[in-house]
PDB file of N, CA and C in Angstrom:
ATOM      1  N   UNK A   1      13.594  -0.443 -26.126  1.00  0.00           N
ATOM      2  CA  UNK A   1      13.858  -0.896 -24.766  1.00  0.00           C
ATOM      3  C   UNK A   1      14.982  -0.058 -24.167  1.00  0.00           C
ATOM      4  N   UNK A   2      14.826   0.326 -22.924  1.00  0.00           N
ATOM      5  CA  UNK A   2      15.806   1.138 -22.223  1.00  0.00           C
ATOM      6  C   UNK A   2      16.906   0.249 -21.659  1.00  0.00           C
ATOM      7  N   UNK A   3      18.136   0.694 -21.816  1.00  0.00           N
ATOM      8  CA  UNK A   3      19.280  -0.028 -21.280  1.00  0.00           C
ATOM      9  C   UNK A   3      19.450   0.315 -19.809  1.00  0.00           C
ATOM     10  N   UNK A   4      19.643  -0.715 -18.994  1.00  0.00           N
ATOM     11  CA  UNK A   4      19.887  -0.473 -17.574  1.00  0.00           C
ATOM     12  C   UNK A   4      21.300   0.054 -17.374  1.00  0.00           C
ATOM     13  N   UNK A   5      21.434   0.950 -16.409  1.00  0.00           N
ATOM     14  CA  UNK A   5      22.727   1.510 -16.034  1.00  0.00           C
ATOM     15  C   UNK A   5      22.931   1.333 -14.543  1.00  0.00           C
ATOM     16  N   UNK A   6      24.053   0.746 -14.180  1.00  0.00           N
ATOM     17  CA  UNK A   6      24.400   0.629 -12.767  1.00  0.00           C
ATOM     18  C   UNK A   6      24.754   2.018 -12.234  1.00  0.00           C
ATOM     19  N   UNK A   7      24.646   2.201 -10.948  1.00  0.00           N
ATOM     20  CA  UNK A   7      25.012   3.478 -10.340  1.00  0.00           C
ATOM     21  C   UNK A   7      26.429   3.885 -10.726  1.00  0.00           C
ATOM     22  N   UNK A   8      27.327   2.924 -10.780  1.00  0.00           N
ATOM     23  CA  UNK A   8      28.722   3.220 -11.100  1.00  0.00           C
ATOM     24  C   UNK A   8      28.919   3.659 -12.548  1.00  0.00           C
ATOM     25  N   UNK A   9      27.944   3.378 -13.412  1.00  0.00           N
ATOM     26  CA  UNK A   9      28.040   3.746 -14.823  1.00  0.00           C
ATOM     27  C   UNK A   9      27.454   5.121 -15.133  1.00  0.00           C
ATOM     28  N   UNK A  10      26.681   5.665 -14.213  1.00  0.00           N
ATOM     29  CA  UNK A  10      26.003   6.932 -14.469  1.00  0.00           C
ATOM     30  C   UNK A  10      26.989   8.088 -14.585  1.00  0.00           C
ATOM     31  N   UNK A  11      26.717   8.953 -15.539  1.00  0.00           N
ATOM     32  CA  UNK A  11      27.469  10.194 -15.688  1.00  0.00           C
ATOM     33  C   UNK A  11      26.468  11.346 -15.572  1.00  0.00           C
ATOM     34  N   UNK A  12      26.937  12.554 -15.313  1.00  0.00           N
ATOM     35  CA  UNK A  12      26.010  13.687 -15.258  1.00  0.00           C
ATOM     36  C   UNK A  12      25.180  13.836 -16.537  1.00  0.00           C
ATOM     37  N   UNK A  13      25.744  13.466 -17.672  1.00  0.00           N
ATOM     38  CA  UNK A  13      25.016  13.580 -18.943  1.00  0.00           C
ATOM     39  C   UNK A  13      23.840  12.606 -19.033  1.00  0.00           C
ATOM     40  N   UNK A  14      23.862  11.536 -18.264  1.00  0.00           N
ATOM     41  CA  UNK A  14      22.765  10.561 -18.277  1.00  0.00           C
ATOM     42  C   UNK A  14      21.513  11.066 -17.563  1.00  0.00           C
ATOM     43  N   UNK A  15      21.706  11.980 -16.629  1.00  0.00           N
ATOM     44  CA  UNK A  15      20.614  12.438 -15.774  1.00  0.00           C
ATOM     45  C   UNK A  15      19.920  13.637 -16.428  1.00  0.00           C
ATOM     46  N   UNK A  16      18.611  13.557 -16.603  1.00  0.00           N
ATOM     47  CA  UNK A  16      17.890  14.694 -17.195  1.00  0.00           C
ATOM     48  C   UNK A  16      18.019  15.941 -16.326  1.00  0.00           C
ATOM     49  N   UNK A  17      17.877  17.082 -16.947  1.00  0.00           N
ATOM     50  CA  UNK A  17      17.875  18.338 -16.202  1.00  0.00           C
ATOM     51  C   UNK A  17      16.555  18.471 -15.440  1.00  0.00           C
ATOM     52  N   UNK A  18      16.608  19.170 -14.325  1.00  0.00           N
ATOM     53  CA  UNK A  18      15.388  19.465 -13.581  1.00  0.00           C
ATOM     54  C   UNK A  18      14.503  20.301 -14.501  1.00  0.00           C
ATOM     55  N   UNK A  19      13.238  19.913 -14.584  1.00  0.00           N
ATOM     56  CA  UNK A  19      12.311  20.636 -15.437  1.00  0.00           C
ATOM     57  C   UNK A  19      12.169  20.057 -16.835  1.00  0.00           C
ATOM     58  N   UNK A  20      12.937  18.997 -17.136  1.00  0.00           N
ATOM     59  CA  UNK A  20      12.796  18.330 -18.435  1.00  0.00           C
ATOM     60  C   UNK A  20      11.410  17.712 -18.533  1.00  0.00           C
ATOM     61  N   UNK A  21      11.014  17.408 -19.739  1.00  0.00           N
ATOM     62  CA  UNK A  21       9.714  16.790 -19.962  1.00  0.00           C
ATOM     63  C   UNK A  21       9.721  15.339 -19.476  1.00  0.00           C
ATOM     64  N   UNK A  22       8.542  14.815 -19.230  1.00  0.00           N
ATOM     65  CA  UNK A  22       8.394  13.433 -18.808  1.00  0.00           C
ATOM     66  C   UNK A  22       8.949  12.481 -19.865  1.00  0.00           C
ATOM     67  N   UNK A  23       8.839  12.859 -21.139  1.00  0.00           N
ATOM     68  CA  UNK A  23       9.344  11.987 -22.206  1.00  0.00           C
ATOM     69  C   UNK A  23      10.860  11.837 -22.134  1.00  0.00           C
ATOM     70  N   UNK A  24      11.549  12.756 -21.498  1.00  0.00           N
ATOM     71  CA  UNK A  24      12.995  12.641 -21.288  1.00  0.00           C
ATOM     72  C   UNK A  24      13.308  11.953 -19.954  1.00  0.00           C
ATOM     73  N   UNK A  25      12.485  12.214 -18.945  1.00  0.00           N
ATOM     74  CA  UNK A  25      12.733  11.664 -17.603  1.00  0.00           C
ATOM     75  C   UNK A  25      12.396  10.172 -17.529  1.00  0.00           C
ATOM     76  N   UNK A  26      11.270   9.777 -18.116  1.00  0.00           N
ATOM     77  CA  UNK A  26      10.825   8.386 -17.994  1.00  0.00           C
ATOM     78  C   UNK A  26      11.869   7.379 -18.479  1.00  0.00           C
ATOM     79  N   UNK A  27      12.479   7.556 -19.657  1.00  0.00           N
ATOM     80  CA  UNK A  27      13.497   6.577 -20.076  1.00  0.00           C
ATOM     81  C   UNK A  27      14.671   6.486 -19.090  1.00  0.00           C
ATOM     82  N   UNK A  28      15.060   7.626 -18.515  1.00  0.00           N
ATOM     83  CA  UNK A  28      16.128   7.585 -17.512  1.00  0.00           C
ATOM     84  C   UNK A  28      15.668   6.800 -16.286  1.00  0.00           C
ATOM     85  N   UNK A  29      14.439   7.036 -15.857  1.00  0.00           N
ATOM     86  CA  UNK A  29      13.905   6.325 -14.678  1.00  0.00           C
ATOM     87  C   UNK A  29      13.962   4.819 -14.880  1.00  0.00           C
ATOM     88  N   UNK A  30      13.771   4.381 -16.104  1.00  0.00           N
ATOM     89  CA  UNK A  30      13.736   2.945 -16.396  1.00  0.00           C
ATOM     90  C   UNK A  30      15.123   2.347 -16.641  1.00  0.00           C
ATOM     91  N   UNK A  31      16.186   3.138 -16.455  1.00  0.00           N
ATOM     92  CA  UNK A  31      17.538   2.574 -16.535  1.00  0.00           C
ATOM     93  C   UNK A  31      17.889   1.821 -15.250  1.00  0.00           C
ATOM     94  N   UNK A  32      16.974   1.846 -14.291  1.00  0.00           N
ATOM     95  CA  UNK A  32      17.115   1.106 -13.039  1.00  0.00           C
ATOM     96  C   UNK A  32      15.849   0.279 -12.860  1.00  0.00           C
ATOM     97  N   UNK A  33      15.980  -1.019 -12.685  1.00  0.00           N
ATOM     98  CA  UNK A  33      14.819  -1.891 -12.498  1.00  0.00           C
ATOM     99  C   UNK A  33      14.670  -2.193 -11.006  1.00  0.00           C
ATOM    100  N   UNK A  34      13.858  -1.381 -10.362  1.00  0.00           N
ATOM    101  CA  UNK A  34      13.658  -1.537  -8.923  1.00  0.00           C
ATOM    102  C   UNK A  34      13.028  -2.858  -8.528  1.00  0.00           C
ATOM    103  N   UNK A  35      12.144  -3.394  -9.374  1.00  0.00           N
ATOM    104  CA  UNK A  35      11.520  -4.674  -9.062  1.00  0.00           C
ATOM    105  C   UNK A  35      12.567  -5.776  -9.008  1.00  0.00           C
ATOM    106  N   UNK A  36      13.458  -5.775  -9.989  1.00  0.00           N
ATOM    107  CA  UNK A  36      14.503  -6.810 -10.034  1.00  0.00           C
ATOM    108  C   UNK A  36      15.519  -6.585  -8.923  1.00  0.00           C
ATOM    109  N   UNK A  37      15.929  -5.340  -8.722  1.00  0.00           N
ATOM    110  CA  UNK A  37      16.935  -5.040  -7.704  1.00  0.00           C
ATOM    111  C   UNK A  37      16.460  -5.471  -6.314  1.00  0.00           C
ATOM    112  N   UNK A  38      15.216  -5.132  -5.960  1.00  0.00           N
ATOM    113  CA  UNK A  38      14.710  -5.431  -4.622  1.00  0.00           C
ATOM    114  C   UNK A  38      14.066  -6.805  -4.512  1.00  0.00           C
ATOM    115  N   UNK A  39      13.849  -7.467  -5.650  1.00  0.00           N
ATOM    116  CA  UNK A  39      13.344  -8.836  -5.621  1.00  0.00           C
ATOM    117  C   UNK A  39      11.834  -8.984  -5.641  1.00  0.00           C
ATOM    118  N   UNK A  40      11.114  -7.865  -5.509  1.00  0.00           N
ATOM    119  CA  UNK A  40       9.654  -7.940  -5.565  1.00  0.00           C
ATOM    120  C   UNK A  40       9.074  -6.543  -5.733  1.00  0.00           C
ATOM    121  N   UNK A  41       7.865  -6.505  -6.239  1.00  0.00           N
ATOM    122  CA  UNK A  41       7.138  -5.241  -6.361  1.00  0.00           C
ATOM    123  C   UNK A  41       6.894  -4.664  -4.971  1.00  0.00           C
ATOM    124  N   UNK A  42       6.554  -5.529  -4.023  1.00  0.00           N
ATOM    125  CA  UNK A  42       6.230  -5.087  -2.669  1.00  0.00           C
ATOM    126  C   UNK A  42       7.426  -4.408  -1.990  1.00  0.00           C
ATOM    127  N   UNK A  43       8.597  -5.017  -2.086  1.00  0.00           N
ATOM    128  CA  UNK A  43       9.786  -4.434  -1.460  1.00  0.00           C
ATOM    129  C   UNK A  43      10.164  -3.131  -2.154  1.00  0.00           C
ATOM    130  N   UNK A  44      10.050  -3.093  -3.470  1.00  0.00           N
ATOM    131  CA  UNK A  44      10.321  -1.871  -4.222  1.00  0.00           C
ATOM    132  C   UNK A  44       9.376  -0.758  -3.765  1.00  0.00           C
ATOM    133  N   UNK A  45       8.096  -1.077  -3.617  1.00  0.00           N
ATOM    134  CA  UNK A  45       7.110  -0.094  -3.162  1.00  0.00           C
ATOM    135  C   UNK A  45       7.425   0.394  -1.754  1.00  0.00           C
ATOM    136  N   UNK A  46       7.870  -0.519  -0.900  1.00  0.00           N
ATOM    137  CA  UNK A  46       8.235  -0.157   0.472  1.00  0.00           C
ATOM    138  C   UNK A  46       9.380   0.850   0.468  1.00  0.00           C
ATOM    139  N   UNK A  47      10.422   0.569  -0.305  1.00  0.00           N
ATOM    140  CA  UNK A  47      11.577   1.470  -0.387  1.00  0.00           C
ATOM    141  C   UNK A  47      11.153   2.804  -1.000  1.00  0.00           C
ATOM    142  N   UNK A  48      10.345   2.752  -2.044  1.00  0.00           N
ATOM    143  CA  UNK A  48       9.892   3.974  -2.723  1.00  0.00           C
ATOM    144  C   UNK A  48       9.025   4.841  -1.816  1.00  0.00           C
ATOM    145  N   UNK A  49       8.404   4.251  -0.819  1.00  0.00           N
ATOM    146  CA  UNK A  49       7.551   4.989   0.094  1.00  0.00           C
ATOM    147  C   UNK A  49       8.285   5.623   1.261  1.00  0.00           C
ATOM    148  N   UNK A  50       9.582   5.382   1.364  1.00  0.00           N
ATOM    149  CA  UNK A  50      10.378   5.933   2.452  1.00  0.00           C
ATOM    150  C   UNK A  50      11.162   7.158   1.955  1.00  0.00           C
ATOM    151  N   UNK A  51      11.697   7.905   2.880  1.00  0.00           N
ATOM    152  CA  UNK A  51      12.555   9.027   2.511  1.00  0.00           C
ATOM    153  C   UNK A  51      13.855   8.470   1.957  1.00  0.00           C
ATOM    154  N   UNK A  52      14.174   8.810   0.705  1.00  0.00           N
ATOM    155  CA  UNK A  52      15.372   8.236   0.091  1.00  0.00           C
ATOM    156  C   UNK A  52      16.647   8.849   0.660  1.00  0.00           C
ATOM    157  N   UNK A  53      17.650   8.001   0.839  1.00  0.00           N
ATOM    158  CA  UNK A  53      18.931   8.481   1.341  1.00  0.00           C
ATOM    159  C   UNK A  53      20.062   8.229   0.372  1.00  0.00           C
ATOM    160  N   UNK A  54      20.054   7.062  -0.225  1.00  0.00           N
ATOM    161  CA  UNK A  54      21.143   6.687  -1.126  1.00  0.00           C
ATOM    162  C   UNK A  54      20.727   6.892  -2.580  1.00  0.00           C
ATOM    163  N   UNK A  55      21.698   6.847  -3.474  1.00  0.00           N
ATOM    164  CA  UNK A  55      21.413   6.932  -4.902  1.00  0.00           C
ATOM    165  C   UNK A  55      20.479   5.791  -5.316  1.00  0.00           C
ATOM    166  N   UNK A  56      20.697   4.618  -4.778  1.00  0.00           N
ATOM    167  CA  UNK A  56      19.821   3.483  -5.084  1.00  0.00           C
ATOM    168  C   UNK A  56      18.396   3.750  -4.620  1.00  0.00           C
ATOM    169  N   UNK A  57      18.230   4.320  -3.441  1.00  0.00           N
ATOM    170  CA  UNK A  57      16.896   4.669  -2.947  1.00  0.00           C
ATOM    171  C   UNK A  57      16.229   5.687  -3.868  1.00  0.00           C
ATOM    172  N   UNK A  58      16.984   6.698  -4.269  1.00  0.00           N
ATOM    173  CA  UNK A  58      16.456   7.737  -5.155  1.00  0.00           C
ATOM    174  C   UNK A  58      16.022   7.152  -6.498  1.00  0.00           C
ATOM    175  N   UNK A  59      16.853   6.294  -7.039  1.00  0.00           N
ATOM    176  CA  UNK A  59      16.519   5.672  -8.323  1.00  0.00           C
ATOM    177  C   UNK A  59      15.333   4.727  -8.177  1.00  0.00           C
ATOM    178  N   UNK A  60      15.195   4.095  -7.012  1.00  0.00           N
ATOM    179  CA  UNK A  60      14.030   3.250  -6.749  1.00  0.00           C
ATOM    180  C   UNK A  60      12.762   4.098  -6.771  1.00  0.00           C
ATOM    181  N   UNK A  61      12.800   5.229  -6.109  1.00  0.00           N
ATOM    182  CA  UNK A  61      11.632   6.125  -6.086  1.00  0.00           C
ATOM    183  C   UNK A  61      11.269   6.584  -7.492  1.00  0.00           C
ATOM    184  N   UNK A  62      12.267   6.977  -8.262  1.00  0.00           N
ATOM    185  CA  UNK A  62      12.022   7.448  -9.618  1.00  0.00           C
ATOM    186  C   UNK A  62      11.484   6.326 -10.506  1.00  0.00           C
ATOM    187  N   UNK A  63      12.062   5.140 -10.389  1.00  0.00           N
ATOM    188  CA  UNK A  63      11.581   3.978 -11.136  1.00  0.00           C
ATOM    189  C   UNK A  63      10.122   3.682 -10.782  1.00  0.00           C
ATOM    190  N   UNK A  64       9.813   3.704  -9.488  1.00  0.00           N
ATOM    191  CA  UNK A  64       8.458   3.383  -9.047  1.00  0.00           C
ATOM    192  C   UNK A  64       7.459   4.400  -9.592  1.00  0.00           C
ATOM    193  N   UNK A  65       7.852   5.675  -9.613  1.00  0.00           N
ATOM    194  CA  UNK A  65       6.990   6.706 -10.199  1.00  0.00           C
ATOM    195  C   UNK A  65       6.749   6.424 -11.680  1.00  0.00           C
ATOM    196  N   UNK A  66       7.805   6.053 -12.396  1.00  0.00           N
ATOM    197  CA  UNK A  66       7.663   5.757 -13.828  1.00  0.00           C
ATOM    198  C   UNK A  66       6.705   4.595 -14.050  1.00  0.00           C
ATOM    199  N   UNK A  67       6.840   3.559 -13.274  1.00  0.00           N
ATOM    200  CA  UNK A  67       5.950   2.394 -13.425  1.00  0.00           C
ATOM    201  C   UNK A  67       4.509   2.759 -13.049  1.00  0.00           C
ATOM    202  N   UNK A  68       4.371   3.551 -11.999  1.00  0.00           N
ATOM    203  CA  UNK A  68       3.035   3.959 -11.543  1.00  0.00           C
ATOM    204  C   UNK A  68       2.306   4.735 -12.635  1.00  0.00           C
ATOM    205  N   UNK A  69       2.981   5.729 -13.209  1.00  0.00           N
ATOM    206  CA  UNK A  69       2.323   6.546 -14.228  1.00  0.00           C
ATOM    207  C   UNK A  69       2.123   5.768 -15.523  1.00  0.00           C
ATOM    208  N   UNK A  70       3.007   4.839 -15.821  1.00  0.00           N
ATOM    209  CA  UNK A  70       2.808   3.985 -16.980  1.00  0.00           C
ATOM    210  C   UNK A  70       1.550   3.145 -16.790  1.00  0.00           C
ATOM    211  N   UNK A  71       1.384   2.590 -15.595  1.00  0.00           N
ATOM    212  CA  UNK A  71       0.202   1.764 -15.305  1.00  0.00           C
ATOM    213  C   UNK A  71      -1.086   2.580 -15.346  1.00  0.00           C
ATOM    214  N   UNK A  72      -0.998   3.866 -14.994  1.00  0.00           N
ATOM    215  CA  UNK A  72      -2.171   4.733 -15.052  1.00  0.00           C
ATOM    216  C   UNK A  72      -2.459   5.188 -16.489  1.00  0.00           C
ATOM    217  N   UNK A  73      -1.475   5.005 -17.367  1.00  0.00           N
ATOM    218  CA  UNK A  73      -1.668   5.347 -18.772  1.00  0.00           C
ATOM    219  C   UNK A  73      -1.634   6.832 -19.082  1.00  0.00           C
ATOM    220  N   UNK A  74      -0.946   7.585 -18.243  1.00  0.00           N
ATOM    221  CA  UNK A  74      -0.836   9.026 -18.486  1.00  0.00           C
ATOM    222  C   UNK A  74       0.447   9.575 -17.883  1.00  0.00           C
ATOM    223  N   UNK A  75       0.708  10.846 -18.157  1.00  0.00           N
ATOM    224  CA  UNK A  75       1.892  11.494 -17.610  1.00  0.00           C
ATOM    225  C   UNK A  75       1.609  11.982 -16.193  1.00  0.00           C
ATOM    226  N   UNK A  76       2.651  12.158 -15.402  1.00  0.00           N
ATOM    227  CA  UNK A  76       2.468  12.617 -14.018  1.00  0.00           C
ATOM    228  C   UNK A  76       1.778  13.978 -13.944  1.00  0.00           C
ATOM    229  N   UNK A  77       0.994  14.157 -12.879  1.00  0.00           N
ATOM    230  CA  UNK A  77       0.367  15.447 -12.633  1.00  0.00           C
ATOM    231  C   UNK A  77       1.404  16.421 -12.066  1.00  0.00           C
ATOM    232  N   UNK A  78       1.004  17.660 -11.868  1.00  0.00           N
ATOM    233  CA  UNK A  78       1.937  18.710 -11.442  1.00  0.00           C
ATOM    234  C   UNK A  78       2.583  18.395 -10.084  1.00  0.00           C
ATOM    235  N   UNK A  79       1.807  17.905  -9.139  1.00  0.00           N
ATOM    236  CA  UNK A  79       2.363  17.592  -7.816  1.00  0.00           C
ATOM    237  C   UNK A  79       3.400  16.471  -7.911  1.00  0.00           C
ATOM    238  N   UNK A  80       3.110  15.466  -8.717  1.00  0.00           N
ATOM    239  CA  UNK A  80       4.061  14.362  -8.891  1.00  0.00           C
ATOM    240  C   UNK A  80       5.315  14.827  -9.624  1.00  0.00           C
ATOM    241  N   UNK A  81       5.146  15.709 -10.614  1.00  0.00           N
ATOM    242  CA  UNK A  81       6.325  16.222 -11.330  1.00  0.00           C
ATOM    243  C   UNK A  81       7.222  17.035 -10.403  1.00  0.00           C
ATOM    244  N   UNK A  82       6.624  17.713  -9.443  1.00  0.00           N
ATOM    245  CA  UNK A  82       7.422  18.457  -8.464  1.00  0.00           C
ATOM    246  C   UNK A  82       8.295  17.488  -7.662  1.00  0.00           C
ATOM    247  N   UNK A  83       7.716  16.386  -7.216  1.00  0.00           N
ATOM    248  CA  UNK A  83       8.470  15.369  -6.468  1.00  0.00           C
ATOM    249  C   UNK A  83       9.523  14.720  -7.368  1.00  0.00           C
ATOM    250  N   UNK A  84       9.158  14.419  -8.594  1.00  0.00           N
ATOM    251  CA  UNK A  84      10.071  13.790  -9.539  1.00  0.00           C
ATOM    252  C   UNK A  84      11.261  14.714  -9.811  1.00  0.00           C
ATOM    253  N   UNK A  85      10.999  15.996  -9.983  1.00  0.00           N
ATOM    254  CA  UNK A  85      12.091  16.955 -10.211  1.00  0.00           C
ATOM    255  C   UNK A  85      12.999  17.059  -8.985  1.00  0.00           C
ATOM    256  N   UNK A  86      12.423  16.954  -7.794  1.00  0.00           N
ATOM    257  CA  UNK A  86      13.240  16.957  -6.573  1.00  0.00           C
ATOM    258  C   UNK A  86      14.144  15.727  -6.538  1.00  0.00           C
ATOM    259  N   UNK A  87      13.608  14.564  -6.932  1.00  0.00           N
ATOM    260  CA  UNK A  87      14.429  13.343  -7.008  1.00  0.00           C
ATOM    261  C   UNK A  87      15.563  13.527  -8.008  1.00  0.00           C
ATOM    262  N   UNK A  88      15.248  14.060  -9.174  1.00  0.00           N
ATOM    263  CA  UNK A  88      16.252  14.291 -10.216  1.00  0.00           C
ATOM    264  C   UNK A  88      17.354  15.215  -9.695  1.00  0.00           C
ATOM    265  N   UNK A  89      16.967  16.262  -8.995  1.00  0.00           N
ATOM    266  CA  UNK A  89      17.942  17.213  -8.458  1.00  0.00           C
ATOM    267  C   UNK A  89      18.932  16.538  -7.510  1.00  0.00           C
ATOM    268  N   UNK A  90      18.422  15.718  -6.606  1.00  0.00           N
ATOM    269  CA  UNK A  90      19.305  15.047  -5.643  1.00  0.00           C
ATOM    270  C   UNK A  90      20.151  13.982  -6.354  1.00  0.00           C
ATOM    271  N   UNK A  91      19.581  13.294  -7.334  1.00  0.00           N
ATOM    272  CA  UNK A  91      20.366  12.326  -8.110  1.00  0.00           C
ATOM    273  C   UNK A  91      21.523  13.044  -8.789  1.00  0.00           C
ATOM    274  N   UNK A  92      21.257  14.204  -9.394  1.00  0.00           N
ATOM    275  CA  UNK A  92      22.321  14.983 -10.033  1.00  0.00           C
ATOM    276  C   UNK A  92      23.422  15.331  -9.037  1.00  0.00           C
ATOM    277  N   UNK A  93      23.017  15.788  -7.857  1.00  0.00           N
ATOM    278  CA  UNK A  93      23.989  16.162  -6.823  1.00  0.00           C
ATOM    279  C   UNK A  93      24.863  14.977  -6.429  1.00  0.00           C
ATOM    280  N   UNK A  94      24.250  13.818  -6.232  1.00  0.00           N
ATOM    281  CA  UNK A  94      25.005  12.633  -5.826  1.00  0.00           C
ATOM    282  C   UNK A  94      25.977  12.194  -6.930  1.00  0.00           C
ATOM    283  N   UNK A  95      25.536  12.234  -8.172  1.00  0.00           N
ATOM    284  CA  UNK A  95      26.420  11.834  -9.285  1.00  0.00           C
ATOM    285  C   UNK A  95      27.609  12.786  -9.356  1.00  0.00           C
ATOM    286  N   UNK A  96      27.346  14.073  -9.286  1.00  0.00           N
ATOM    287  CA  UNK A  96      28.424  15.076  -9.349  1.00  0.00           C
ATOM    288  C   UNK A  96      29.402  14.922  -8.188  1.00  0.00           C
ATOM    289  N   UNK A  97      28.882  14.529  -7.019  1.00  0.00           N
ATOM    290  CA  UNK A  97      29.726  14.349  -5.830  1.00  0.00           C
ATOM    291  C   UNK A  97      30.437  12.999  -5.816  1.00  0.00           C
ATOM    292  N   UNK A  98      30.079  12.119  -6.755  1.00  0.00           N
ATOM    293  CA  UNK A  98      30.692  10.801  -6.795  1.00  0.00           C
ATOM    294  C   UNK A  98      30.108   9.826  -5.784  1.00  0.00           C
ATOM    295  N   UNK A  99      28.944  10.153  -5.226  1.00  0.00           N
ATOM    296  CA  UNK A  99      28.292   9.288  -4.241  1.00  0.00           C
ATOM    297  C   UNK A  99      27.421   8.287  -4.994  1.00  0.00           C
ATOM    298  N   UNK A 100      27.924   7.086  -5.184  1.00  0.00           N
ATOM    299  CA  UNK A 100      27.248   6.085  -5.997  1.00  0.00           C
ATOM    300  C   UNK A 100      26.533   5.000  -5.205  1.00  0.00           C
ATOM    301  N   UNK A 101      26.389   5.178  -3.870  1.00  0.00           N
ATOM    302  CA  UNK A 101      25.702   4.173  -3.061  1.00  0.00           C
ATOM    303  C   UNK A 101      24.240   4.130  -3.373  1.00  0.00           C
TER     304      UNK A 101
END
């Protein structure tokens, strides 16, 4: 089971490098429970479908991708991995900048 990490607990070492394998990214994605945070699957999906602005939004998008691919029973395709790597990149930037919103 993956341990949840609050935004304030994240360190640069917690965030996978851009281009890491899905087996490294997925456990990190699940350190945030978007369903619990937003109170419903529907609200989580709504947030994940918008352009992310905050660290919480970014982690919601990444969490939703992890749940989606888990439900499909396979790893993300190339187009999805491109989006996932973009999310990881911005998460890294925010953590390094100390932007924990």
